[in-house]
Amino acid sequence: MYELSLVITLLNEEENISPLHSAIRAALSGYNYEVVFVDDGSTDGTVREIKKLQNDRVKLVKLSKNYGQSIAMSAGIDHAQGEYIVLLDGDLQNDPADIPFMLEKLKSEDWDVVAGNRRNRQDGMFLRKLPSNIANAMIRRYTGVHLRDYGCTLKIFKHEIAKNLDLYGELHRFIPVLASLQGARIVQVDVHHHARKFGHSKYGIGRTFKVASDLILILFLQRYLRKPMHLFGGIGLFLLLPGILIMLYMLVIKLLGENIWGKPILILGVLLIIIGVLFIMMGIMTELLMRIYYGTGNRRLYLVKELYNGAN
């Protein structure tokens, strides 16, 4: 078993492969490590450049198409064998030289996750920094997991934490929150950040809107994943009880001889009862879905087209 597994997701990064691999070798000399490159549907020469490395520490997981960064990370973690798992960007903006310090902090202070904070971030203000700052503020405010920089890919995990992140969709920015759901102890440290030399970023201002929508999902996972009935049932009862009271009131005045047909309050009562019942039924269905989810093993959201080991 390796001490370290570096999981690096790639999409059209052919010019970065060789210098990144050289930087990793220089930074981790003396460590027992592997590098798991995950090609997320690249259309350039990224795969070709990885195969040129001819190093028995190098693995390639080539996905059948572009699934997105979260699922690509999940695929890399699934194929990682290290005692500690490192997530690292493939664009040379993260610095592998930060890994030994982060690993030592995790081991000496017994953290479960050490996350990087890009203190002097080398990105454009309006297309990268501004959306990121907005997203970071939203996540801190609503999840209660207080980190300065959620978007820095560079993180080190204990093996068991990384293996149970259940990444999918666009949830990679919420990795610290997903780890905290497992009770992980998380610390953040300042790391180096470099300007991109080759290629171009795949992200921009539109990512902020994806973060906002995913935040709703994260809040549900954080608070109600194992008890969805508490959310949907609570809303249902909140609506159902006033509806029942209104209908009892309507029954009383009807028995007193008053014509209640067409009254707005009658329509309101009917709507509250119907919507309340629907929410309760939704809660029951979600509970059943959660039982199916937890009872089903070996869930995979990706298809691997090719596995390659540099020793071959």
Protein backbone atom coordinates (compact mmCIF):
# COMPACT_ATOMS: atom_id res chain seq x y z
CA MET A 1 0.00 0.00 0.00
CA TYR A 2 1.25 3.46 -0.86
CA GLU A 3 1.62 6.15 1.77
CA LEU A 4 0.22 8.79 -0.60
CA SER A 5 -2.14 8.71 -3.56
CA LEU A 6 -2.33 11.90 -5.62
CA VAL A 7 -5.62 12.18 -7.52
CA ILE A 8 -5.42 14.65 -10.40
CA THR A 9 -8.39 15.34 -12.69
CA LEU A 10 -7.63 16.55 -16.19
CA LEU A 11 -9.55 18.06 -19.07
CA ASN A 12 -7.41 19.18 -22.03
CA GLU A 13 -4.20 19.80 -20.07
CA GLU A 14 -1.61 18.21 -22.38
CA GLU A 15 0.98 20.97 -21.93
CA ASN A 16 0.83 20.69 -18.14
CA ILE A 17 1.43 16.94 -17.77
CA SER A 18 5.21 16.80 -18.05
CA PRO A 19 6.02 19.85 -15.85
CA LEU A 20 3.43 18.74 -13.28
CA HIS A 21 4.92 15.26 -13.09
CA SER A 22 8.41 16.73 -12.70
CA ALA A 23 7.21 19.00 -9.88
CA ILE A 24 5.61 16.04 -8.09
CA ARG A 25 8.78 13.94 -8.34
CA ALA A 26 10.87 16.80 -6.94
CA ALA A 27 8.44 17.51 -4.08
CA LEU A 28 7.85 13.90 -3.02
CA SER A 29 11.32 12.44 -3.31
CA GLY A 30 11.64 9.86 -0.55
CA TYR A 31 7.89 9.27 -0.22
CA ASN A 32 6.09 6.08 -1.26
CA TYR A 33 3.40 7.51 -3.52
CA GLU A 34 1.32 6.96 -6.64
CA VAL A 35 -0.17 9.47 -9.07
CA VAL A 36 -3.68 8.72 -10.33
CA PHE A 37 -4.43 10.85 -13.39
CA VAL A 38 -8.12 10.92 -14.32
CA ASP A 39 -8.83 11.99 -17.88
CA ASP A 40 -12.31 13.50 -17.94
CA GLY A 41 -12.98 13.26 -21.67
CA SER A 42 -10.04 15.30 -23.01
CA THR A 43 -10.02 15.95 -26.76
CA ASP A 44 -6.35 16.98 -27.01
CA GLY A 45 -3.18 14.99 -26.36
CA THR A 46 -3.55 14.71 -22.57
CA VAL A 47 -3.77 10.90 -22.57
CA ARG A 48 -0.82 10.61 -24.94
CA GLU A 49 1.33 12.81 -22.67
CA ILE A 50 0.47 10.73 -19.61
CA LYS A 51 1.46 7.51 -21.38
CA LYS A 52 4.82 9.05 -22.28
CA LEU A 53 5.77 9.24 -18.60
CA GLN A 54 6.60 5.52 -18.34
CA ASN A 55 6.66 5.54 -14.55
CA ASP A 56 5.39 2.70 -12.38
CA ARG A 57 4.00 5.25 -9.92
CA VAL A 58 1.68 6.65 -12.61
CA LYS A 59 -1.86 5.38 -13.22
CA LEU A 60 -4.33 6.64 -15.79
CA VAL A 61 -8.08 6.34 -15.40
CA LYS A 62 -9.58 7.36 -18.72
CA LEU A 63 -13.31 8.02 -18.49
CA SER A 64 -15.58 7.29 -21.42
CA LYS A 65 -16.74 10.92 -21.68
CA ASN A 66 -16.69 14.24 -19.84
CA TYR A 67 -18.55 13.66 -16.56
CA GLY A 68 -17.42 16.80 -14.72
CA GLN A 69 -14.84 17.43 -12.03
CA SER A 70 -16.75 15.91 -9.11
CA ILE A 71 -17.34 12.53 -10.74
CA ALA A 72 -13.79 12.51 -12.12
CA MET A 73 -12.49 13.05 -8.57
CA SER A 74 -14.70 10.23 -7.37
CA ALA A 75 -13.28 7.90 -10.03
CA GLY A 76 -9.72 8.80 -9.01
CA ILE A 77 -10.44 8.25 -5.33
CA ASP A 78 -12.01 4.87 -6.11
CA HIS A 79 -8.78 3.78 -7.82
CA ALA A 80 -6.42 5.28 -5.22
CA GLN A 81 -4.65 2.86 -2.87
CA GLY A 82 -2.78 5.23 -0.57
CA GLU A 83 -3.10 5.55 3.19
CA TYR A 84 -3.56 9.29 2.59
CA ILE A 85 -5.26 10.71 -0.48
CA VAL A 86 -4.32 14.06 -2.02
CA LEU A 87 -6.52 16.03 -4.42
CA LEU A 88 -4.50 18.23 -6.75
CA ASP A 89 -5.35 20.39 -9.79
CA GLY A 90 -3.77 19.46 -13.10
CA ASP A 91 -3.17 23.04 -14.28
CA LEU A 92 0.06 23.74 -12.30
CA GLN A 93 -1.68 26.35 -10.15
CA ASN A 94 -1.44 24.16 -7.03
CA ASP A 95 2.12 23.52 -5.88
CA PRO A 96 3.09 19.91 -5.04
CA ALA A 97 5.81 21.35 -2.77
CA ASP A 98 3.05 22.13 -0.23
CA ILE A 99 2.12 18.46 0.15
CA PRO A 100 4.86 17.34 2.62
CA PHE A 101 4.00 20.15 5.07
CA MET A 102 0.27 19.41 4.83
CA LEU A 103 0.87 15.68 5.31
CA GLU A 104 3.04 16.28 8.37
CA LYS A 105 0.38 18.55 9.90
CA LEU A 106 -2.31 15.93 9.31
CA LYS A 107 -0.23 13.16 10.87
CA SER A 108 1.33 15.06 13.79
CA GLU A 109 -1.87 16.81 14.90
CA ASP A 110 -4.24 13.94 13.95
CA TRP A 111 -6.50 15.89 11.60
CA ASP A 112 -8.75 14.01 9.19
CA VAL A 113 -8.54 16.61 6.42
CA VAL A 114 -6.00 19.35 5.72
CA ALA A 115 -7.30 21.82 3.13
CA GLY A 116 -5.36 24.46 1.24
CA ASN A 117 -6.08 28.18 1.34
CA ARG A 118 -4.84 30.15 -1.67
CA ARG A 119 -3.63 33.16 0.26
CA ASN A 120 -2.12 35.01 -2.72
CA ARG A 121 -4.38 33.74 -5.43
CA GLN A 122 -3.07 34.30 -8.95
CA ASP A 123 -6.35 34.56 -10.87
CA GLY A 124 -8.42 37.28 -12.51
CA MET A 125 -10.56 39.36 -10.17
CA PHE A 126 -13.92 39.39 -11.94
CA LEU A 127 -14.05 35.97 -13.61
CA ARG A 128 -12.38 33.91 -10.87
CA LYS A 129 -11.83 35.66 -7.54
CA LEU A 130 -15.16 37.48 -7.30
CA PRO A 131 -17.35 34.42 -8.04
CA SER A 132 -15.21 32.38 -5.65
CA ASN A 133 -15.50 34.93 -2.83
CA ILE A 134 -19.27 35.06 -3.24
CA ALA A 135 -19.51 31.26 -3.21
CA ASN A 136 -17.22 30.98 -0.16
CA ALA A 137 -19.33 33.49 1.78
CA MET A 138 -22.55 31.63 0.94
CA ILE A 139 -21.15 28.26 2.00
CA ARG A 140 -19.74 29.62 5.27
CA ARG A 141 -22.99 31.40 6.08
CA TYR A 142 -25.35 28.49 5.54
CA THR A 143 -23.38 25.31 6.31
CA GLY A 144 -21.57 26.32 9.49
CA VAL A 145 -18.28 24.88 8.16
CA HIS A 146 -15.99 27.87 8.46
CA LEU A 147 -13.12 27.79 5.98
CA ARG A 148 -11.61 30.72 4.11
CA ASP A 149 -11.28 28.98 0.74
CA TYR A 150 -13.53 26.10 -0.28
CA GLY A 151 -12.47 26.20 -3.94
CA CYS A 152 -8.81 25.23 -3.48
CA THR A 153 -8.52 21.71 -4.85
CA LEU A 154 -5.36 20.91 -2.87
CA LYS A 155 -6.47 18.81 0.10
CA ILE A 156 -5.16 15.78 1.97
CA PHE A 157 -7.49 13.20 3.51
CA LYS A 158 -7.22 10.10 5.57
CA HIS A 159 -8.08 7.17 3.35
CA GLU A 160 -11.40 6.33 5.01
CA ILE A 161 -12.70 9.90 4.80
CA ALA A 162 -11.91 10.30 1.09
CA LYS A 163 -13.42 6.93 0.20
CA ASN A 164 -16.78 7.92 1.70
CA LEU A 165 -17.23 11.41 0.22
CA ASP A 166 -19.89 10.27 -2.30
CA LEU A 167 -19.03 12.95 -4.86
CA TYR A 168 -21.39 13.56 -7.76
CA GLY A 169 -22.87 16.44 -9.72
CA GLU A 170 -20.93 19.63 -8.90
CA LEU A 171 -20.26 18.91 -5.24
CA HIS A 172 -16.44 19.09 -5.28
CA ARG A 173 -16.53 22.64 -3.89
CA PHE A 174 -18.45 21.26 -0.90
CA ILE A 175 -15.90 18.55 -0.07
CA PRO A 176 -15.17 20.03 3.40
CA VAL A 177 -18.90 20.00 4.17
CA LEU A 178 -19.26 16.41 2.94
CA ALA A 179 -16.28 15.42 5.09
CA SER A 180 -17.80 17.17 8.11
CA LEU A 181 -20.94 15.03 7.67
CA GLN A 182 -18.70 12.08 8.54
CA GLY A 183 -17.47 13.87 11.66
CA ALA A 184 -14.10 14.71 10.08
CA ARG A 185 -11.79 17.15 11.86
CA ILE A 186 -10.71 19.75 9.29
CA VAL A 187 -8.01 22.40 9.33
CA GLN A 188 -6.97 24.84 6.61
CA VAL A 189 -3.43 26.03 5.90
CA ASP A 190 -2.01 28.63 3.52
CA VAL A 191 -0.58 27.19 0.32
CA HIS A 192 1.14 28.56 -2.75
CA HIS A 193 -0.85 29.41 -5.85
CA HIS A 194 0.58 30.07 -9.30
CA ALA A 195 -0.76 31.75 -12.40
CA ARG A 196 -1.81 29.38 -15.14
CA LYS A 197 0.92 29.00 -17.78
CA PHE A 198 -0.71 26.68 -20.29
CA GLY A 199 -4.29 26.15 -21.42
CA HIS A 200 -7.25 28.05 -20.06
CA SER A 201 -9.67 27.82 -17.17
CA LYS A 202 -12.90 25.88 -17.60
CA TYR A 203 -14.74 27.95 -14.99
CA GLY A 204 -16.13 31.47 -14.71
CA ILE A 205 -18.84 33.71 -13.27
CA GLY A 206 -21.56 31.17 -14.16
CA ARG A 207 -20.15 28.76 -11.60
CA THR A 208 -21.54 30.96 -8.80
CA PHE A 209 -25.10 30.10 -9.84
CA LYS A 210 -24.29 26.37 -9.81
CA VAL A 211 -22.87 26.76 -6.30
CA ALA A 212 -26.04 28.52 -5.17
CA SER A 213 -28.25 25.68 -6.43
CA ASP A 214 -25.94 22.96 -5.05
CA LEU A 215 -25.95 24.75 -1.69
CA ILE A 216 -29.65 23.90 -1.34
CA LEU A 217 -28.81 20.23 -1.86
CA ILE A 218 -25.93 20.40 0.62
CA LEU A 219 -28.17 21.94 3.28
CA PHE A 220 -30.62 19.08 2.79
CA LEU A 221 -27.80 16.50 3.00
CA GLN A 222 -26.35 18.21 6.06
CA ARG A 223 -29.56 18.53 8.03
CA TYR A 224 -32.09 16.03 6.71
CA LEU A 225 -30.31 13.26 4.75
CA ARG A 226 -30.98 10.64 7.42
CA LYS A 227 -34.30 12.12 8.54
CA PRO A 228 -36.06 13.60 5.47
CA MET A 229 -39.45 13.07 7.11
CA HIS A 230 -38.50 15.75 9.65
CA LEU A 231 -38.33 18.29 6.82
CA PHE A 232 -41.21 17.27 4.57
CA GLY A 233 -43.42 16.00 7.40
CA GLY A 234 -42.85 19.19 9.38
CA ILE A 235 -43.84 21.38 6.43
CA GLY A 236 -46.81 19.13 5.72
CA LEU A 237 -48.13 19.35 9.28
CA PHE A 238 -47.52 23.11 9.36
CA LEU A 239 -49.85 23.43 6.36
CA LEU A 240 -52.27 20.64 7.21
CA LEU A 241 -53.25 21.73 10.72
CA PRO A 242 -54.41 25.27 9.74
CA GLY A 243 -56.30 23.71 6.83
CA ILE A 244 -58.13 21.35 9.21
CA LEU A 245 -58.97 24.23 11.59
CA ILE A 246 -60.33 26.29 8.70
CA MET A 247 -62.50 23.40 7.52
CA LEU A 248 -63.83 22.81 11.06
CA TYR A 249 -64.71 26.51 11.23
CA MET A 250 -66.46 26.22 7.85
CA LEU A 251 -68.40 23.19 9.12
CA VAL A 252 -69.57 25.09 12.20
CA ILE A 253 -70.86 28.11 10.27
CA LYS A 254 -72.44 25.77 7.71
CA LEU A 255 -74.34 24.03 10.52
CA LEU A 256 -75.45 27.47 11.71
CA GLY A 257 -77.12 27.98 8.33
CA GLU A 258 -74.63 30.25 6.57
CA ASN A 259 -73.82 29.64 2.92
CA ILE A 260 -70.10 28.89 2.67
CA TRP A 261 -69.87 27.99 -1.02
CA GLY A 262 -67.32 30.12 -2.93
CA LYS A 263 -65.80 31.75 0.14
CA PRO A 264 -62.03 32.40 -0.30
CA ILE A 265 -61.29 31.00 3.15
CA LEU A 266 -62.92 27.69 2.12
CA ILE A 267 -60.68 27.47 -0.93
CA LEU A 268 -57.66 28.30 1.24
CA GLY A 269 -58.54 25.53 3.69
CA VAL A 270 -58.89 22.94 0.91
CA LEU A 271 -55.56 23.97 -0.63
CA LEU A 272 -53.73 23.81 2.70
CA ILE A 273 -55.04 20.31 3.37
CA ILE A 274 -54.13 19.04 -0.12
CA ILE A 275 -50.64 20.57 -0.08
CA GLY A 276 -50.02 19.40 3.49
CA VAL A 277 -50.95 15.83 2.60
CA LEU A 278 -48.70 15.99 -0.48
CA PHE A 279 -45.72 17.11 1.63
CA ILE A 280 -46.29 14.29 4.12
CA MET A 281 -46.49 11.78 1.28
CA MET A 282 -43.30 13.26 -0.17
CA GLY A 283 -41.62 12.72 3.19
CA ILE A 284 -42.68 9.08 3.26
CA MET A 285 -41.45 8.53 -0.30
CA THR A 286 -38.11 10.21 0.48
CA GLU A 287 -37.68 8.01 3.55
CA LEU A 288 -38.22 4.94 1.35
CA LEU A 289 -35.73 6.26 -1.23
CA MET A 290 -33.13 6.83 1.49
CA ARG A 291 -33.58 3.24 2.67
CA ILE A 292 -33.04 2.04 -0.90
CA TYR A 293 -29.99 4.33 -1.25
CA TYR A 294 -28.31 3.05 1.89
CA GLY A 295 -29.20 -0.53 1.08
CA THR A 296 -27.64 -0.46 -2.38
CA GLY A 297 -23.89 -0.97 -2.65
CA ASN A 298 -21.35 -0.41 -5.43
CA ARG A 299 -22.98 2.73 -6.82
CA ARG A 300 -20.95 4.09 -9.75
CA LEU A 301 -21.78 7.23 -11.71
CA TYR A 302 -19.09 6.84 -14.35
CA LEU A 303 -17.80 4.40 -16.96
CA VAL A 304 -14.06 3.77 -17.28
CA LYS A 305 -12.91 3.43 -20.88
CA GLU A 306 -9.30 2.52 -20.15
CA LEU A 307 -6.96 1.81 -17.23
CA TYR A 308 -3.25 2.32 -17.78
CA ASN A 309 -0.27 1.78 -15.51
CA GLY A 310 3.03 3.44 -16.36
CA ALA A 311 4.87 0.24 -15.56
CA ASN A 312 3.24 -1.46 -18.58
